[in-house]
Every structure is written in C-alpha cells, then in structure tokens.
Amino acid sequence: MASPLKKIDLIDKLTLPLFVATMIWEHRVLKRRRSRELPPVDAVAPVDDGDPTPDPLVPLGYEKRDTAGSLGLLVGSIVVGFALDGVYRRAHGFLFRHRVSNIGSHRGSILSAMIVWDFLYYWNHRWMHEVRLFWADHAAHHSGRRYNLSTALRQTWSGVLTTWVYWPMSLLGYRYGTFLKARQLNLLYQYWIHTEAIDRLPAPIEKIFNTPSHHRVHHGANKQYIDKNYGGILIIWDRFFETFEPEIRQVQYGLTKNIRTNNPVKMAYGEFVSIAKDVASADNLNDRLRYVFAGPGWTPEPALAG
C-alpha cells in the first residue's frame, strides 16, 4: 500500500502557502479596523435584549499564543490523520465491497459526493455537540476565544470516534478517492468562513450557503448561539432541521466555561480527562454512562433530602 504522503495532491500542496498568505492578509486588514477588547476568561456572555437590529461587526484580531495553539492543533491533526489513514482505507474498502448501491460511480459523482458528505457532516457536527464523548473531540475547535482564519486550523485529534457517520458513502458506492476529495473541498470551504474580516454577504448567499456570519454564531458562547448553525458548505440543513440562528448580537467566542491554556495537547485531550474524572467520581453505572454519552454539561440530579 502506498504511503499516504505520496497521495498528497496539488490542492493539499497549495493549502499551506494559501493559509499563510490569507492569515497575513487578514491580520493586516483587521489591524486597520477598530477592534474590541477580549473579555475576561470567565466573563458571562451578554443576554440578547431582543433588538432585531444587528450589532456592528467589531473584530478581536490576532494574538500570538492563540494562533500558536491553533497551529499546534493542526500539526497534531495531520500526524494523527496520516497514522490512521490505513485504518480508514481498510474500513472504507470493506464497506465498499458490501455496497448496496452504485450511485457513487455515476457520472458527476464528485458533485453528489460533496452534497452527501455535507449532509452527513451536518449530523456528525451536530452529534459532536450533543454527545459528550464526541464533544470531547470537538471542544478544542471551540476553545479559541478569538475568531480568525487560524481558528479553522484547530482540528480534531480523535476524529476516529465519529468516522462511522460517513460509512453510508462507502455503502452508496463512492470510492475512497472520491470520498477524500469531497472531504477535502468541504473543509477547505470552511476555512474562509472563520473570519471577522468579512461581514454579512448578500441575502441570497446567506440563505443557502454557510458564511462567516453564520459560522461566527456557531462559535458563540452567547445563550442564543449555543448549538446552532452546524452546516459545512450549505446552511440549508440548519434551516430545514431548525438549528439555524442569525447573527444579531455581538458574538462572544469560546466555551461556556473557558479553558486557560493554549497547549495543544491539553486542548485536544482536556475534556477526555474531565470525562474520566467524572466517571471515576460517579457512584452508579447509569451516572457513569451518562457522563460519557449524555450532552455536555450533564450532571446528576441532586439527591432529595430524606
């Protein structure tokens, strides 16, 4: 089997200089604009006052330690991805040999693959917010308290936990190369929406596609923004499944309980450690399971006084 390094295509080779060039551009653009101060790490996000007039977009900009943490998470994600590539290929190959359809072999399969991948991504992303074990893998992406193109590089180190969500593509007859191309293009699309340099786009685009405005909402710790706007390329899934929220109030980025580190290892595995501690502290099996599989933030009901 060929080394995954030999399978890096032209788009992959161009991404690193693209990331560098666009982050430099964004940094320079934001430095020329009025900026706001980063709130204290334990600040409570402001409550929506119901005013339908959108707040102006006032960026936070870049900070060295925040950006370094994002880059560290990217490096770790790439290393883990290469290490597990053989496992992913074998799993896909097994399912592909037992496919129930050849839809993925039809002409124009890359377009349909992108739509199917985006739909499955919506559910993958949603379940990562609704199941604590999966959230433990995703929390690092939301740990950044600033929002810029480097935030997009805060990628998972434990994506193997939800790789099963995409198994239907193998069963529908999409070859592994087509699957990888759909994934690559989807994640590249999502790179540019992690920015405060671009305000709201024309309404027809905002109706159909995921945009910087929509994704800023997704990264918000504001109560009305939590668990909203899961889409990858298309925002229509959120509109259809009623998880859409427009950007109205200024977004406070980060977690509802922020972590105080930019160490990539701690960001990648910190929530797994917290799960292990909660499981160890539980006094019955039901609570142990719910600490793992219930939603993030679940805690047992306090015992009633006798």
Protein backbone atom coordinates (compact mmCIF):
# COMPACT_ATOMS: atom_id res chain seq x y z
CA MET A 1 0.00 0.00 0.00
CA ALA A 2 1.38 3.41 -0.95
CA SER A 3 2.37 5.82 1.81
CA PRO A 4 -0.31 8.46 2.48
CA LEU A 5 2.43 11.08 1.96
CA LYS A 6 2.60 10.03 -1.69
CA LYS A 7 -1.12 10.66 -2.08
CA ILE A 8 -0.90 14.39 -1.28
CA ASP A 9 -2.38 16.14 -4.31
CA LEU A 10 -1.84 19.62 -5.74
CA ILE A 11 -4.62 21.16 -3.65
CA ASP A 12 -3.04 19.80 -0.47
CA LYS A 13 0.35 21.17 -1.52
CA LEU A 14 -1.13 24.62 -2.11
CA THR A 15 -3.01 24.82 1.19
CA LEU A 16 -0.01 25.69 3.39
CA PRO A 17 1.08 28.75 1.37
CA LEU A 18 -2.62 29.64 0.99
CA PHE A 19 -3.12 29.54 4.76
CA VAL A 20 -0.01 31.64 5.39
CA ALA A 21 -0.88 34.25 2.74
CA THR A 22 -4.51 34.64 3.79
CA MET A 23 -3.73 34.85 7.51
CA ILE A 24 -1.18 37.59 6.82
CA TRP A 25 -3.78 39.39 4.70
CA GLU A 26 -6.44 39.04 7.38
CA HIS A 27 -4.08 40.22 10.12
CA ARG A 28 -3.26 43.36 8.14
CA VAL A 29 -6.91 44.03 7.33
CA LEU A 30 -8.00 43.70 10.95
CA LYS A 31 -5.18 45.91 12.24
CA ARG A 32 -6.59 48.79 10.20
CA ARG A 33 -10.04 48.43 11.76
CA ARG A 34 -11.45 49.43 15.09
CA SER A 35 -11.11 46.44 17.40
CA ARG A 36 -12.64 45.40 20.70
CA GLU A 37 -11.04 44.10 23.85
CA LEU A 38 -11.04 40.39 24.63
CA PRO A 39 -13.48 39.78 27.53
CA PRO A 40 -12.15 38.24 30.77
CA VAL A 41 -11.77 34.46 30.55
CA ASP A 42 -14.64 33.90 33.00
CA ALA A 43 -16.95 36.59 31.57
CA VAL A 44 -20.60 35.62 31.06
CA ALA A 45 -21.81 36.19 27.51
CA PRO A 46 -24.31 39.06 27.19
CA VAL A 47 -28.00 38.21 27.05
CA ASP A 48 -29.92 39.01 23.87
CA ASP A 49 -32.12 42.05 24.51
CA GLY A 50 -34.48 41.23 21.65
CA ASP A 51 -33.49 44.21 19.50
CA PRO A 52 -33.66 42.96 15.86
CA THR A 53 -31.03 45.47 14.69
CA PRO A 54 -27.72 43.61 14.21
CA ASP A 55 -24.73 44.82 16.18
CA PRO A 56 -21.83 46.15 14.12
CA LEU A 57 -19.03 43.68 13.47
CA VAL A 58 -16.07 44.75 15.65
CA PRO A 59 -13.18 42.25 15.43
CA LEU A 60 -10.82 40.93 18.07
CA GLY A 61 -7.85 40.32 15.77
CA TYR A 62 -4.87 38.04 16.33
CA GLU A 63 -2.80 37.15 19.39
CA LYS A 64 0.43 35.12 19.23
CA ARG A 65 -0.33 32.45 21.83
CA ASP A 66 -3.84 31.88 20.48
CA THR A 67 -2.50 31.46 16.93
CA ALA A 68 0.32 29.19 18.11
CA GLY A 69 -2.23 26.95 19.85
CA SER A 70 -4.26 26.74 16.63
CA LEU A 71 -1.19 25.79 14.60
CA GLY A 72 -0.21 23.17 17.17
CA LEU A 73 -3.63 21.55 16.90
CA LEU A 74 -3.30 21.49 13.11
CA VAL A 75 0.06 19.71 13.26
CA GLY A 76 -1.29 17.11 15.65
CA SER A 77 -4.34 16.54 13.48
CA ILE A 78 -2.18 15.96 10.40
CA VAL A 79 0.05 13.49 12.24
CA VAL A 80 -2.93 11.53 13.58
CA GLY A 81 -4.58 11.58 10.15
CA PHE A 82 -1.52 10.05 8.49
CA ALA A 83 -1.21 7.44 11.24
CA LEU A 84 -4.82 6.30 10.84
CA ASP A 85 -5.05 6.55 7.06
CA GLY A 86 -4.57 2.81 6.59
CA VAL A 87 -7.34 2.03 9.07
CA TYR A 88 -9.74 4.38 7.31
CA ARG A 89 -8.89 2.92 3.90
CA ARG A 90 -9.43 -0.66 5.03
CA ALA A 91 -12.77 0.18 6.67
CA HIS A 92 -13.92 2.01 3.53
CA GLY A 93 -12.76 -0.85 1.32
CA PHE A 94 -14.67 -3.44 3.36
CA LEU A 95 -17.88 -1.42 3.24
CA PHE A 96 -17.41 -0.57 -0.44
CA ARG A 97 -17.19 -4.28 -1.28
CA HIS A 98 -20.52 -4.73 0.51
CA ARG A 99 -22.15 -1.64 -1.02
CA VAL A 100 -25.88 -1.59 -1.56
CA SER A 101 -25.83 0.93 -4.42
CA ASN A 102 -23.59 2.19 -7.22
CA ILE A 103 -24.87 5.77 -7.06
CA GLY A 104 -21.31 6.88 -6.30
CA SER A 105 -19.98 5.50 -9.58
CA HIS A 106 -22.32 7.55 -11.77
CA ARG A 107 -21.14 10.47 -13.86
CA GLY A 108 -20.71 13.64 -11.82
CA SER A 109 -20.15 11.61 -8.66
CA ILE A 110 -17.90 14.28 -7.12
CA LEU A 111 -20.79 16.77 -7.05
CA SER A 112 -23.20 14.30 -5.47
CA ALA A 113 -20.43 13.17 -3.11
CA MET A 114 -19.98 16.74 -1.90
CA ILE A 115 -23.70 17.08 -1.22
CA VAL A 116 -23.89 13.73 0.59
CA TRP A 117 -20.72 14.47 2.57
CA ASP A 118 -22.07 17.88 3.56
CA PHE A 119 -25.36 16.36 4.73
CA LEU A 120 -23.53 13.72 6.79
CA TYR A 121 -21.19 16.40 8.11
CA TYR A 122 -24.19 18.31 9.46
CA TRP A 123 -25.17 15.28 11.56
CA ASN A 124 -21.60 14.49 12.54
CA HIS A 125 -21.16 18.08 13.69
CA ARG A 126 -24.49 18.14 15.49
CA TRP A 127 -23.80 14.90 17.37
CA MET A 128 -20.41 16.26 18.41
CA HIS A 129 -22.32 18.97 20.25
CA GLU A 130 -24.99 16.65 21.66
CA VAL A 131 -22.91 13.70 22.95
CA ARG A 132 -20.21 14.49 25.48
CA LEU A 133 -17.78 11.81 24.26
CA PHE A 134 -17.89 13.32 20.78
CA TRP A 135 -17.83 16.84 22.21
CA ALA A 136 -14.56 15.93 23.93
CA ASP A 137 -13.08 15.55 20.45
CA HIS A 138 -14.61 18.79 19.17
CA ALA A 139 -14.17 21.11 22.17
CA ALA A 140 -10.65 22.12 21.12
CA HIS A 141 -12.04 23.67 17.94
CA HIS A 142 -14.29 25.89 20.05
CA SER A 143 -11.67 26.71 22.66
CA GLY A 144 -10.35 29.75 20.81
CA ARG A 145 -11.59 32.99 22.37
CA ARG A 146 -10.66 34.90 19.24
CA TYR A 147 -12.05 34.27 15.78
CA ASN A 148 -9.83 34.43 12.74
CA LEU A 149 -8.56 32.17 9.98
CA SER A 150 -6.18 30.42 12.35
CA THR A 151 -9.22 29.24 14.34
CA ALA A 152 -10.16 27.00 11.39
CA LEU A 153 -6.90 25.10 11.94
CA ARG A 154 -7.99 23.86 15.37
CA GLN A 155 -8.72 20.39 14.07
CA THR A 156 -9.61 17.12 15.78
CA TRP A 157 -7.09 14.57 17.03
CA SER A 158 -9.77 11.93 17.69
CA GLY A 159 -11.92 12.01 14.57
CA VAL A 160 -11.93 8.22 14.56
CA LEU A 161 -14.74 8.46 17.14
CA THR A 162 -17.23 9.66 14.53
CA THR A 163 -15.79 8.30 11.28
CA TRP A 164 -18.74 5.86 11.21
CA VAL A 165 -21.07 8.76 10.36
CA TYR A 166 -19.61 8.76 6.83
CA TRP A 167 -19.88 4.99 6.25
CA PRO A 168 -23.06 5.42 4.16
CA MET A 169 -20.87 6.92 1.42
CA SER A 170 -18.98 3.64 1.10
CA LEU A 171 -22.24 1.71 1.02
CA LEU A 172 -23.58 4.04 -1.68
CA GLY A 173 -20.65 3.18 -3.93
CA TYR A 174 -18.39 6.23 -3.54
CA ARG A 175 -14.76 5.25 -3.95
CA TYR A 176 -12.33 6.26 -1.24
CA GLY A 177 -10.64 8.80 -3.52
CA THR A 178 -13.98 10.48 -4.24
CA PHE A 179 -14.82 10.48 -0.54
CA LEU A 180 -11.48 12.11 0.29
CA LYS A 181 -11.93 14.76 -2.41
CA ALA A 182 -15.40 15.67 -1.10
CA ARG A 183 -13.98 15.91 2.42
CA GLN A 184 -11.02 17.99 1.28
CA LEU A 185 -13.13 20.52 -0.62
CA ASN A 186 -15.66 20.77 2.21
CA LEU A 187 -13.02 21.50 4.84
CA LEU A 188 -11.25 23.97 2.56
CA TYR A 189 -14.53 25.81 2.09
CA GLN A 190 -14.93 26.02 5.84
CA TYR A 191 -11.51 27.65 6.23
CA TRP A 192 -12.55 31.05 4.86
CA ILE A 193 -15.69 31.35 6.99
CA HIS A 194 -13.57 31.59 10.16
CA THR A 195 -13.05 35.34 9.91
CA GLU A 196 -14.19 38.69 11.22
CA ALA A 197 -12.71 40.44 8.17
CA ILE A 198 -15.85 39.68 6.14
CA ASP A 199 -19.23 40.98 7.26
CA ARG A 200 -22.62 39.70 6.10
CA LEU A 201 -22.90 38.75 2.42
CA PRO A 202 -25.83 39.37 0.04
CA ALA A 203 -29.07 37.76 1.22
CA PRO A 204 -29.33 35.05 -1.48
CA ILE A 205 -25.88 33.73 -0.49
CA GLU A 206 -26.70 33.88 3.22
CA LYS A 207 -29.91 31.91 2.58
CA ILE A 208 -28.19 28.91 1.01
CA PHE A 209 -24.52 28.83 1.97
CA ASN A 210 -22.61 28.80 5.22
CA THR A 211 -20.91 32.18 5.59
CA PRO A 212 -18.62 33.93 8.07
CA SER A 213 -21.68 35.48 9.72
CA HIS A 214 -23.41 32.12 10.18
CA HIS A 215 -20.27 30.42 11.46
CA ARG A 216 -19.43 33.21 13.89
CA VAL A 217 -22.74 32.35 15.51
CA HIS A 218 -21.71 28.70 15.76
CA HIS A 219 -18.57 29.68 17.72
CA GLY A 220 -20.51 31.88 20.13
CA ALA A 221 -20.93 31.24 23.84
CA ASN A 222 -23.98 33.54 23.86
CA LYS A 223 -27.00 31.57 25.07
CA GLN A 224 -28.95 32.06 21.84
CA TYR A 225 -25.98 30.89 19.74
CA ILE A 226 -25.11 27.63 21.53
CA ASP A 227 -25.60 24.53 19.36
CA LYS A 228 -26.63 26.45 16.24
CA ASN A 229 -25.51 26.56 12.59
CA TYR A 230 -23.84 23.17 12.16
CA GLY A 231 -23.64 23.26 8.35
CA GLY A 232 -20.42 22.84 6.39
CA ILE A 233 -20.90 24.35 2.94
CA LEU A 234 -24.69 24.59 2.97
CA ILE A 235 -26.74 26.30 5.68
CA ILE A 236 -29.96 24.81 4.28
CA TRP A 237 -29.60 21.78 6.58
CA ASP A 238 -29.83 24.06 9.62
CA ARG A 239 -32.81 25.87 8.20
CA PHE A 240 -34.57 22.57 7.47
CA PHE A 241 -33.76 20.91 10.82
CA GLU A 242 -34.44 24.12 12.78
CA THR A 243 -30.94 24.67 14.16
CA PHE A 244 -30.38 27.99 12.39
CA GLU A 245 -29.74 31.25 14.23
CA PRO A 246 -28.85 34.58 12.57
CA GLU A 247 -26.02 36.79 13.82
CA ILE A 248 -27.65 39.68 15.69
CA ARG A 249 -25.82 40.35 18.96
CA GLN A 250 -22.05 40.64 19.04
CA VAL A 251 -20.55 37.19 19.43
CA GLN A 252 -18.53 36.20 22.50
CA TYR A 253 -16.35 33.35 21.29
CA GLY A 254 -15.14 30.33 23.20
CA LEU A 255 -16.65 27.83 25.61
CA THR A 256 -19.29 28.45 28.26
CA LYS A 257 -16.51 27.52 30.73
CA ASN A 258 -13.29 28.59 29.05
CA ILE A 259 -10.04 26.72 29.45
CA ARG A 260 -6.93 28.65 30.44
CA THR A 261 -4.35 27.14 28.13
CA ASN A 262 -3.05 27.26 24.58
CA ASN A 263 -1.21 23.95 24.96
CA PRO A 264 -2.36 21.80 22.00
CA VAL A 265 -2.19 18.52 23.96
CA LYS A 266 -4.27 19.90 26.81
CA MET A 267 -6.76 21.41 24.35
CA ALA A 268 -7.03 18.15 22.39
CA TYR A 269 -7.45 15.83 25.38
CA GLY A 270 -8.54 18.03 28.28
CA GLU A 271 -12.23 17.15 28.01
CA PHE A 272 -11.42 13.43 27.84
CA VAL A 273 -9.58 13.84 31.15
CA SER A 274 -12.61 15.64 32.61
CA ILE A 275 -14.88 12.79 31.49
CA ALA A 276 -12.59 10.24 33.14
CA LYS A 277 -12.64 12.20 36.41
CA ASP A 278 -16.44 12.49 36.35
CA VAL A 279 -16.84 8.77 35.61
CA ALA A 280 -14.49 7.91 38.47
CA SER A 281 -16.48 10.12 40.85
CA ALA A 282 -19.88 8.60 39.94
CA ASP A 283 -21.38 6.07 42.33
CA ASN A 284 -23.57 4.10 39.89
CA LEU A 285 -23.40 2.73 36.35
CA ASN A 286 -26.19 4.92 35.00
CA ASP A 287 -24.40 8.11 36.00
CA ARG A 288 -21.11 6.82 34.62
CA LEU A 289 -22.70 6.15 31.24
CA ARG A 290 -24.46 9.49 31.19
CA TYR A 291 -21.24 11.35 31.96
CA VAL A 292 -19.93 9.82 28.71
CA PHE A 293 -22.96 9.76 26.41
CA ALA A 294 -25.32 12.48 27.66
CA GLY A 295 -24.97 16.05 26.50
CA PRO A 296 -22.02 18.21 27.55
CA GLY A 297 -22.61 19.73 30.97
CA TRP A 298 -24.88 16.93 32.20
CA THR A 299 -24.77 16.38 35.97
CA PRO A 300 -26.83 14.06 38.19
CA GLU A 301 -29.93 15.40 39.85
CA PRO A 302 -29.19 16.30 43.49
CA ALA A 303 -30.44 13.70 45.94
CA LEU A 304 -33.64 14.64 47.74
CA ALA A 305 -33.42 15.04 51.49
CA GLY A 306 -34.93 12.12 53.38
